[in-house]
Amino acid sequence: MDEKPVLHRITELVEEEHRLRAQVQAGALSAAEEQQRLREVEESLDQCWDLLRQRRAARDAGADEGNAHVRDREQVERYLQ
C-alpha cells in the first residue's frame, strides 16, 4: 500500500501549523483560536503517524498492511493512559 497520501497529509498539517503560528504573530488570529486549532492539527497528525506505524509494523511482520486503519482520536490520544 502506498504511504504517499498519508505523508502528503502530514505535510499539509505541518504547513497548517506553521500558518497558524504566523497568523498569531501577525495579529490575525487570537491565541485562544490558535490553541484550539493547533490541538485539532496535532491530534490529526498523531492519527496520521499512528496509521503509518501500523502499516510499517504490519509490513515488517509480513502481514497485510491494508488492514491498518485510522483509529479514532480518543484512542490515539489516550494510548498511554
PDB file of N, CA and C in Angstrom:
ATOM      1  N   MET A   1       0.844  -1.178   0.000  1.00  0.00           N
ATOM      2  CA  MET A   1       0.000   0.000   0.000  1.00  0.00           C
ATOM      3  C   MET A   1       0.889   1.241   0.000  1.00  0.00           C
ATOM      4  N   ASP A   2       0.494   2.240  -0.691  1.00  0.00           N
ATOM      5  CA  ASP A   2       1.278   3.446  -0.861  1.00  0.00           C
ATOM      6  C   ASP A   2       1.110   4.381   0.344  1.00  0.00           C
ATOM      7  N   GLU A   3       2.238   4.810   0.898  1.00  0.00           N
ATOM      8  CA  GLU A   3       2.213   5.720   2.044  1.00  0.00           C
ATOM      9  C   GLU A   3       2.140   7.183   1.622  1.00  0.00           C
ATOM     10  N   LYS A   4       2.266   7.451   0.327  1.00  0.00           N
ATOM     11  CA  LYS A   4       2.336   8.835  -0.135  1.00  0.00           C
ATOM     12  C   LYS A   4       1.141   9.682   0.297  1.00  0.00           C
ATOM     13  N   PRO A   5      -0.094   9.180   0.216  1.00  0.00           N
ATOM     14  CA  PRO A   5      -1.219  10.027   0.662  1.00  0.00           C
ATOM     15  C   PRO A   5      -1.126  10.419   2.141  1.00  0.00           C
ATOM     16  N   VAL A   6      -0.686   9.494   2.974  1.00  0.00           N
ATOM     17  CA  VAL A   6      -0.568   9.796   4.411  1.00  0.00           C
ATOM     18  C   VAL A   6       0.566  10.795   4.630  1.00  0.00           C
ATOM     19  N   LEU A   7       1.692  10.588   3.962  1.00  0.00           N
ATOM     20  CA  LEU A   7       2.810  11.509   4.095  1.00  0.00           C
ATOM     21  C   LEU A   7       2.443  12.895   3.559  1.00  0.00           C
ATOM     22  N   HIS A   8       1.666  12.937   2.499  1.00  0.00           N
ATOM     23  CA  HIS A   8       1.201  14.219   1.958  1.00  0.00           C
ATOM     24  C   HIS A   8       0.306  14.920   2.968  1.00  0.00           C
ATOM     25  N   ARG A   9      -0.571  14.180   3.605  1.00  0.00           N
ATOM     26  CA  ARG A   9      -1.463  14.768   4.619  1.00  0.00           C
ATOM     27  C   ARG A   9      -0.653  15.298   5.802  1.00  0.00           C
ATOM     28  N   ILE A  10       0.383  14.583   6.198  1.00  0.00           N
ATOM     29  CA  ILE A  10       1.245  15.047   7.287  1.00  0.00           C
ATOM     30  C   ILE A  10       1.887  16.376   6.898  1.00  0.00           C
ATOM     31  N   THR A  11       2.372  16.464   5.677  1.00  0.00           N
ATOM     32  CA  THR A  11       2.977  17.705   5.199  1.00  0.00           C
ATOM     33  C   THR A  11       1.976  18.852   5.237  1.00  0.00           C
ATOM     34  N   GLU A  12       0.748  18.596   4.799  1.00  0.00           N
ATOM     35  CA  GLU A  12      -0.291  19.630   4.821  1.00  0.00           C
ATOM     36  C   GLU A  12      -0.567  20.110   6.247  1.00  0.00           C
ATOM     37  N   LEU A  13      -0.635  19.183   7.173  1.00  0.00           N
ATOM     38  CA  LEU A  13      -0.921  19.549   8.557  1.00  0.00           C
ATOM     39  C   LEU A  13       0.220  20.349   9.177  1.00  0.00           C
ATOM     40  N   VAL A  14       1.446  19.979   8.876  1.00  0.00           N
ATOM     41  CA  VAL A  14       2.600  20.726   9.385  1.00  0.00           C
ATOM     42  C   VAL A  14       2.590  22.144   8.810  1.00  0.00           C
ATOM     43  N   GLU A  15       2.272  22.262   7.533  1.00  0.00           N
ATOM     44  CA  GLU A  15       2.182  23.595   6.912  1.00  0.00           C
ATOM     45  C   GLU A  15       1.075  24.422   7.558  1.00  0.00           C
ATOM     46  N   GLU A  16      -0.041  23.781   7.873  1.00  0.00           N
ATOM     47  CA  GLU A  16      -1.122  24.499   8.543  1.00  0.00           C
ATOM     48  C   GLU A  16      -0.682  24.968   9.921  1.00  0.00           C
ATOM     49  N   GLU A  17       0.053  24.134  10.623  1.00  0.00           N
ATOM     50  CA  GLU A  17       0.573  24.505  11.937  1.00  0.00           C
ATOM     51  C   GLU A  17       1.453  25.758  11.824  1.00  0.00           C
ATOM     52  N   HIS A  18       2.294  25.809  10.817  1.00  0.00           N
ATOM     53  CA  HIS A  18       3.162  26.975  10.598  1.00  0.00           C
ATOM     54  C   HIS A  18       2.327  28.219  10.263  1.00  0.00           C
ATOM     55  N   ARG A  19       1.293  28.048   9.433  1.00  0.00           N
ATOM     56  CA  ARG A  19       0.423  29.168   9.084  1.00  0.00           C
ATOM     57  C   ARG A  19      -0.293  29.730  10.307  1.00  0.00           C
ATOM     58  N   LEU A  20      -0.757  28.838  11.176  1.00  0.00           N
ATOM     59  CA  LEU A  20      -1.448  29.277  12.388  1.00  0.00           C
ATOM     60  C   LEU A  20      -0.523  30.113  13.263  1.00  0.00           C
ATOM     61  N   ARG A  21       0.685  29.645  13.426  1.00  0.00           N
ATOM     62  CA  ARG A  21       1.644  30.385  14.256  1.00  0.00           C
ATOM     63  C   ARG A  21       1.962  31.746  13.636  1.00  0.00           C
ATOM     64  N   ALA A  22       2.073  31.793  12.320  1.00  0.00           N
ATOM     65  CA  ALA A  22       2.342  33.058  11.632  1.00  0.00           C
ATOM     66  C   ALA A  22       1.162  34.015  11.772  1.00  0.00           C
ATOM     67  N   GLN A  23      -0.056  33.493  11.719  1.00  0.00           N
ATOM     68  CA  GLN A  23      -1.242  34.333  11.855  1.00  0.00           C
ATOM     69  C   GLN A  23      -1.319  34.959  13.245  1.00  0.00           C
ATOM     70  N   VAL A  24      -0.933  34.203  14.268  1.00  0.00           N
ATOM     71  CA  VAL A  24      -0.934  34.734  15.629  1.00  0.00           C
ATOM     72  C   VAL A  24       0.105  35.843  15.740  1.00  0.00           C
ATOM     73  N   GLN A  25       1.280  35.621  15.198  1.00  0.00           N
ATOM     74  CA  GLN A  25       2.330  36.633  15.250  1.00  0.00           C
ATOM     75  C   GLN A  25       1.920  37.902  14.507  1.00  0.00           C
ATOM     76  N   ALA A  26       1.150  37.750  13.444  1.00  0.00           N
ATOM     77  CA  ALA A  26       0.697  38.899  12.661  1.00  0.00           C
ATOM     78  C   ALA A  26      -0.539  39.559  13.271  1.00  0.00           C
ATOM     79  N   GLY A  27      -1.096  38.968  14.316  1.00  0.00           N
ATOM     80  CA  GLY A  27      -2.277  39.526  14.955  1.00  0.00           C
ATOM     81  C   GLY A  27      -3.575  39.200  14.239  1.00  0.00           C
ATOM     82  N   ALA A  28      -3.527  38.286  13.292  1.00  0.00           N
ATOM     83  CA  ALA A  28      -4.722  37.923  12.522  1.00  0.00           C
ATOM     84  C   ALA A  28      -5.533  36.821  13.189  1.00  0.00           C
ATOM     85  N   LEU A  29      -5.008  36.258  14.260  1.00  0.00           N
ATOM     86  CA  LEU A  29      -5.664  35.142  14.940  1.00  0.00           C
ATOM     87  C   LEU A  29      -5.372  35.276  16.429  1.00  0.00           C
ATOM     88  N   SER A  30      -6.374  35.083  17.251  1.00  0.00           N
ATOM     89  CA  SER A  30      -6.153  35.166  18.696  1.00  0.00           C
ATOM     90  C   SER A  30      -5.425  33.926  19.189  1.00  0.00           C
ATOM     91  N   ALA A  31      -4.789  34.072  20.321  1.00  0.00           N
ATOM     92  CA  ALA A  31      -4.073  32.941  20.913  1.00  0.00           C
ATOM     93  C   ALA A  31      -5.026  31.799  21.241  1.00  0.00           C
ATOM     94  N   ALA A  32      -6.232  32.127  21.680  1.00  0.00           N
ATOM     95  CA  ALA A  32      -7.224  31.090  22.008  1.00  0.00           C
ATOM     96  C   ALA A  32      -7.632  30.324  20.756  1.00  0.00           C
ATOM     97  N   GLU A  33      -7.860  31.042  19.656  1.00  0.00           N
ATOM     98  CA  GLU A  33      -8.210  30.387  18.394  1.00  0.00           C
ATOM     99  C   GLU A  33      -7.059  29.507  17.918  1.00  0.00           C
ATOM    100  N   GLU A  34      -5.847  30.021  18.071  1.00  0.00           N
ATOM    101  CA  GLU A  34      -4.671  29.244  17.662  1.00  0.00           C
ATOM    102  C   GLU A  34      -4.587  27.951  18.458  1.00  0.00           C
ATOM    103  N   GLN A  35      -4.747  28.047  19.760  1.00  0.00           N
ATOM    104  CA  GLN A  35      -4.631  26.860  20.604  1.00  0.00           C
ATOM    105  C   GLN A  35      -5.668  25.805  20.252  1.00  0.00           C
ATOM    106  N   GLN A  36      -6.894  26.234  20.009  1.00  0.00           N
ATOM    107  CA  GLN A  36      -7.960  25.292  19.636  1.00  0.00           C
ATOM    108  C   GLN A  36      -7.615  24.589  18.326  1.00  0.00           C
ATOM    109  N   ARG A  37      -7.248  25.375  17.332  1.00  0.00           N
ATOM    110  CA  ARG A  37      -6.942  24.794  16.019  1.00  0.00           C
ATOM    111  C   ARG A  37      -5.666  23.958  16.070  1.00  0.00           C
ATOM    112  N   LEU A  38      -4.659  24.415  16.834  1.00  0.00           N
ATOM    113  CA  LEU A  38      -3.425  23.630  16.958  1.00  0.00           C
ATOM    114  C   LEU A  38      -3.699  22.268  17.595  1.00  0.00           C
ATOM    115  N   ARG A  39      -4.573  22.241  18.570  1.00  0.00           N
ATOM    116  CA  ARG A  39      -4.918  20.963  19.209  1.00  0.00           C
ATOM    117  C   ARG A  39      -5.517  20.011  18.177  1.00  0.00           C
ATOM    118  N   GLU A  40      -6.399  20.529  17.324  1.00  0.00           N
ATOM    119  CA  GLU A  40      -7.004  19.703  16.277  1.00  0.00           C
ATOM    120  C   GLU A  40      -5.950  19.214  15.277  1.00  0.00           C
ATOM    121  N   VAL A  41      -5.058  20.107  14.887  1.00  0.00           N
ATOM    122  CA  VAL A  41      -3.998  19.742  13.936  1.00  0.00           C
ATOM    123  C   VAL A  41      -3.083  18.681  14.552  1.00  0.00           C
ATOM    124  N   GLU A  42      -2.695  18.881  15.799  1.00  0.00           N
ATOM    125  CA  GLU A  42      -1.802  17.925  16.469  1.00  0.00           C
ATOM    126  C   GLU A  42      -2.454  16.553  16.607  1.00  0.00           C
ATOM    127  N   GLU A  43      -3.741  16.530  16.909  1.00  0.00           N
ATOM    128  CA  GLU A  43      -4.439  15.251  17.020  1.00  0.00           C
ATOM    129  C   GLU A  43      -4.522  14.557  15.658  1.00  0.00           C
ATOM    130  N   SER A  44      -4.756  15.323  14.614  1.00  0.00           N
ATOM    131  CA  SER A  44      -4.784  14.746  13.269  1.00  0.00           C
ATOM    132  C   SER A  44      -3.408  14.203  12.890  1.00  0.00           C
ATOM    133  N   LEU A  45      -2.372  14.950  13.245  1.00  0.00           N
ATOM    134  CA  LEU A  45      -1.003  14.470  12.989  1.00  0.00           C
ATOM    135  C   LEU A  45      -0.744  13.162  13.739  1.00  0.00           C
ATOM    136  N   ASP A  46      -1.163  13.098  14.981  1.00  0.00           N
ATOM    137  CA  ASP A  46      -0.990  11.868  15.761  1.00  0.00           C
ATOM    138  C   ASP A  46      -1.684  10.690  15.091  1.00  0.00           C
ATOM    139  N   GLN A  47      -2.877  10.924  14.552  1.00  0.00           N
ATOM    140  CA  GLN A  47      -3.599   9.853  13.853  1.00  0.00           C
ATOM    141  C   GLN A  47      -2.832   9.407  12.605  1.00  0.00           C
ATOM    142  N   CYS A  48      -2.294  10.355  11.874  1.00  0.00           N
ATOM    143  CA  CYS A  48      -1.530  10.002  10.666  1.00  0.00           C
ATOM    144  C   CYS A  48      -0.294   9.191  11.019  1.00  0.00           C
ATOM    145  N   TRP A  49       0.449   9.648  12.023  1.00  0.00           N
ATOM    146  CA  TRP A  49       1.658   8.912  12.421  1.00  0.00           C
ATOM    147  C   TRP A  49       1.299   7.518  12.940  1.00  0.00           C
ATOM    148  N   ASP A  50       0.199   7.410  13.667  1.00  0.00           N
ATOM    149  CA  ASP A  50      -0.248   6.113  14.156  1.00  0.00           C
ATOM    150  C   ASP A  50      -0.552   5.176  12.989  1.00  0.00           C
ATOM    151  N   LEU A  51      -1.223   5.688  11.967  1.00  0.00           N
ATOM    152  CA  LEU A  51      -1.537   4.876  10.792  1.00  0.00           C
ATOM    153  C   LEU A  51      -0.256   4.409  10.096  1.00  0.00           C
ATOM    154  N   LEU A  52       0.710   5.313   9.946  1.00  0.00           N
ATOM    155  CA  LEU A  52       1.987   4.915   9.329  1.00  0.00           C
ATOM    156  C   LEU A  52       2.681   3.830  10.144  1.00  0.00           C
ATOM    157  N   ARG A  53       2.678   3.992  11.469  1.00  0.00           N
ATOM    158  CA  ARG A  53       3.310   2.971  12.324  1.00  0.00           C
ATOM    159  C   ARG A  53       2.613   1.622  12.172  1.00  0.00           C
ATOM    160  N   GLN A  54       1.290   1.633  12.108  1.00  0.00           N
ATOM    161  CA  GLN A  54       0.543   0.380  11.915  1.00  0.00           C
ATOM    162  C   GLN A  54       0.939  -0.292  10.602  1.00  0.00           C
ATOM    163  N   ARG A  55       0.966   0.492   9.529  1.00  0.00           N
ATOM    164  CA  ARG A  55       1.301  -0.054   8.205  1.00  0.00           C
ATOM    165  C   ARG A  55       2.716  -0.611   8.179  1.00  0.00           C
ATOM    166  N   ARG A  56       3.648   0.142   8.723  1.00  0.00           N
ATOM    167  CA  ARG A  56       5.041  -0.295   8.709  1.00  0.00           C
ATOM    168  C   ARG A  56       5.251  -1.529   9.582  1.00  0.00           C
ATOM    169  N   ALA A  57       4.586  -1.573  10.719  1.00  0.00           N
ATOM    170  CA  ALA A  57       4.695  -2.745  11.587  1.00  0.00           C
ATOM    171  C   ALA A  57       4.130  -3.976  10.898  1.00  0.00           C
ATOM    172  N   ALA A  58       2.994  -3.831  10.242  1.00  0.00           N
ATOM    173  CA  ALA A  58       2.398  -4.951   9.516  1.00  0.00           C
ATOM    174  C   ALA A  58       3.324  -5.417   8.399  1.00  0.00           C
ATOM    175  N   ARG A  59       3.856  -4.479   7.635  1.00  0.00           N
ATOM    176  CA  ARG A  59       4.758  -4.823   6.537  1.00  0.00           C
ATOM    177  C   ARG A  59       5.998  -5.549   7.070  1.00  0.00           C
ATOM    178  N   ASP A  60       6.575  -5.043   8.162  1.00  0.00           N
ATOM    179  CA  ASP A  60       7.760  -5.669   8.752  1.00  0.00           C
ATOM    180  C   ASP A  60       7.476  -7.074   9.268  1.00  0.00           C
ATOM    181  N   ALA A  61       6.236  -7.299   9.680  1.00  0.00           N
ATOM    182  CA  ALA A  61       5.841  -8.610  10.204  1.00  0.00           C
ATOM    183  C   ALA A  61       5.359  -9.544   9.104  1.00  0.00           C
ATOM    184  N   GLY A  62       5.338  -9.055   7.863  1.00  0.00           N
ATOM    185  CA  GLY A  62       4.878  -9.882   6.756  1.00  0.00           C
ATOM    186  C   GLY A  62       3.363  -9.973   6.662  1.00  0.00           C
ATOM    187  N   ALA A  63       2.675  -9.099   7.383  1.00  0.00           N
ATOM    188  CA  ALA A  63       1.210  -9.103   7.369  1.00  0.00           C
ATOM    189  C   ALA A  63       0.705  -8.106   6.321  1.00  0.00           C
ATOM    190  N   ASP A  64      -0.594  -8.114   6.114  1.00  0.00           N
ATOM    191  CA  ASP A  64      -1.219  -7.223   5.146  1.00  0.00           C
ATOM    192  C   ASP A  64      -1.357  -5.831   5.745  1.00  0.00           C
ATOM    193  N   GLU A  65      -0.581  -4.878   5.228  1.00  0.00           N
ATOM    194  CA  GLU A  65      -0.655  -3.519   5.756  1.00  0.00           C
ATOM    195  C   GLU A  65      -1.968  -2.834   5.388  1.00  0.00           C
ATOM    196  N   GLY A  66      -2.709  -3.423   4.488  1.00  0.00           N
ATOM    197  CA  GLY A  66      -4.017  -2.898   4.129  1.00  0.00           C
ATOM    198  C   GLY A  66      -5.030  -3.018   5.257  1.00  0.00           C
ATOM    199  N   ASN A  67      -4.708  -3.824   6.265  1.00  0.00           N
ATOM    200  CA  ASN A  67      -5.593  -3.959   7.418  1.00  0.00           C
ATOM    201  C   ASN A  67      -5.435  -2.803   8.399  1.00  0.00           C
ATOM    202  N   ALA A  68      -4.406  -1.980   8.211  1.00  0.00           N
ATOM    203  CA  ALA A  68      -4.219  -0.817   9.076  1.00  0.00           C
ATOM    204  C   ALA A  68      -5.372   0.150   8.836  1.00  0.00           C
ATOM    205  N   HIS A  69      -5.775   0.837   9.883  1.00  0.00           N
ATOM    206  CA  HIS A  69      -6.883   1.782   9.763  1.00  0.00           C
ATOM    207  C   HIS A  69      -6.642   2.987  10.672  1.00  0.00           C
ATOM    208  N   VAL A  70      -7.303   4.062  10.349  1.00  0.00           N
ATOM    209  CA  VAL A  70      -7.211   5.267  11.180  1.00  0.00           C
ATOM    210  C   VAL A  70      -8.008   5.006  12.451  1.00  0.00           C
ATOM    211  N   ARG A  71      -7.329   5.123  13.558  1.00  0.00           N
ATOM    212  CA  ARG A  71      -8.015   4.955  14.841  1.00  0.00           C
ATOM    213  C   ARG A  71      -8.624   6.289  15.258  1.00  0.00           C
ATOM    214  N   ASP A  72      -9.672   6.217  16.062  1.00  0.00           N
ATOM    215  CA  ASP A  72     -10.309   7.461  16.479  1.00  0.00           C
ATOM    216  C   ASP A  72      -9.372   8.273  17.374  1.00  0.00           C
ATOM    217  N   ARG A  73      -9.625   9.562  17.413  1.00  0.00           N
ATOM    218  CA  ARG A  73      -8.757  10.484  18.147  1.00  0.00           C
ATOM    219  C   ARG A  73      -8.603  10.084  19.608  1.00  0.00           C
ATOM    220  N   GLU A  74      -9.687   9.715  20.230  1.00  0.00           N
ATOM    221  CA  GLU A  74      -9.647   9.342  21.651  1.00  0.00           C
ATOM    222  C   GLU A  74      -8.689   8.192  21.884  1.00  0.00           C
ATOM    223  N   GLN A  75      -8.752   7.185  21.058  1.00  0.00           N
ATOM    224  CA  GLN A  75      -7.879   6.024  21.211  1.00  0.00           C
ATOM    225  C   GLN A  75      -6.417   6.413  21.025  1.00  0.00           C
ATOM    226  N   VAL A  76      -6.127   7.219  20.022  1.00  0.00           N
ATOM    227  CA  VAL A  76      -4.758   7.617  19.752  1.00  0.00           C
ATOM    228  C   VAL A  76      -4.230   8.534  20.846  1.00  0.00           C
ATOM    229  N   GLU A  77      -5.030   9.485  21.261  1.00  0.00           N
ATOM    230  CA  GLU A  77      -4.582  10.473  22.248  1.00  0.00           C
ATOM    231  C   GLU A  77      -4.467   9.897  23.653  1.00  0.00           C
ATOM    232  N   ARG A  78      -5.243   8.903  23.967  1.00  0.00           N
ATOM    233  CA  ARG A  78      -5.248   8.329  25.323  1.00  0.00           C
ATOM    234  C   ARG A  78      -4.487   7.013  25.396  1.00  0.00           C
ATOM    235  N   TYR A  79      -3.644   6.751  24.404  1.00  0.00           N
ATOM    236  CA  TYR A  79      -2.970   5.461  24.283  1.00  0.00           C
ATOM    237  C   TYR A  79      -2.215   5.075  25.556  1.00  0.00           C
ATOM    238  N   LEU A  80      -1.480   5.988  26.141  1.00  0.00           N
ATOM    239  CA  LEU A  80      -0.648   5.658  27.297  1.00  0.00           C
ATOM    240  C   LEU A  80      -1.342   5.843  28.642  1.00  0.00           C
ATOM    241  N   GLN A  81      -2.573   6.246  28.621  1.00  0.00           N
ATOM    242  CA  GLN A  81      -3.270   6.481  29.900  1.00  0.00           C
ATOM    243  C   GLN A  81      -4.044   5.280  30.343  1.00  0.00           C
TER     244      GLN A  81
END
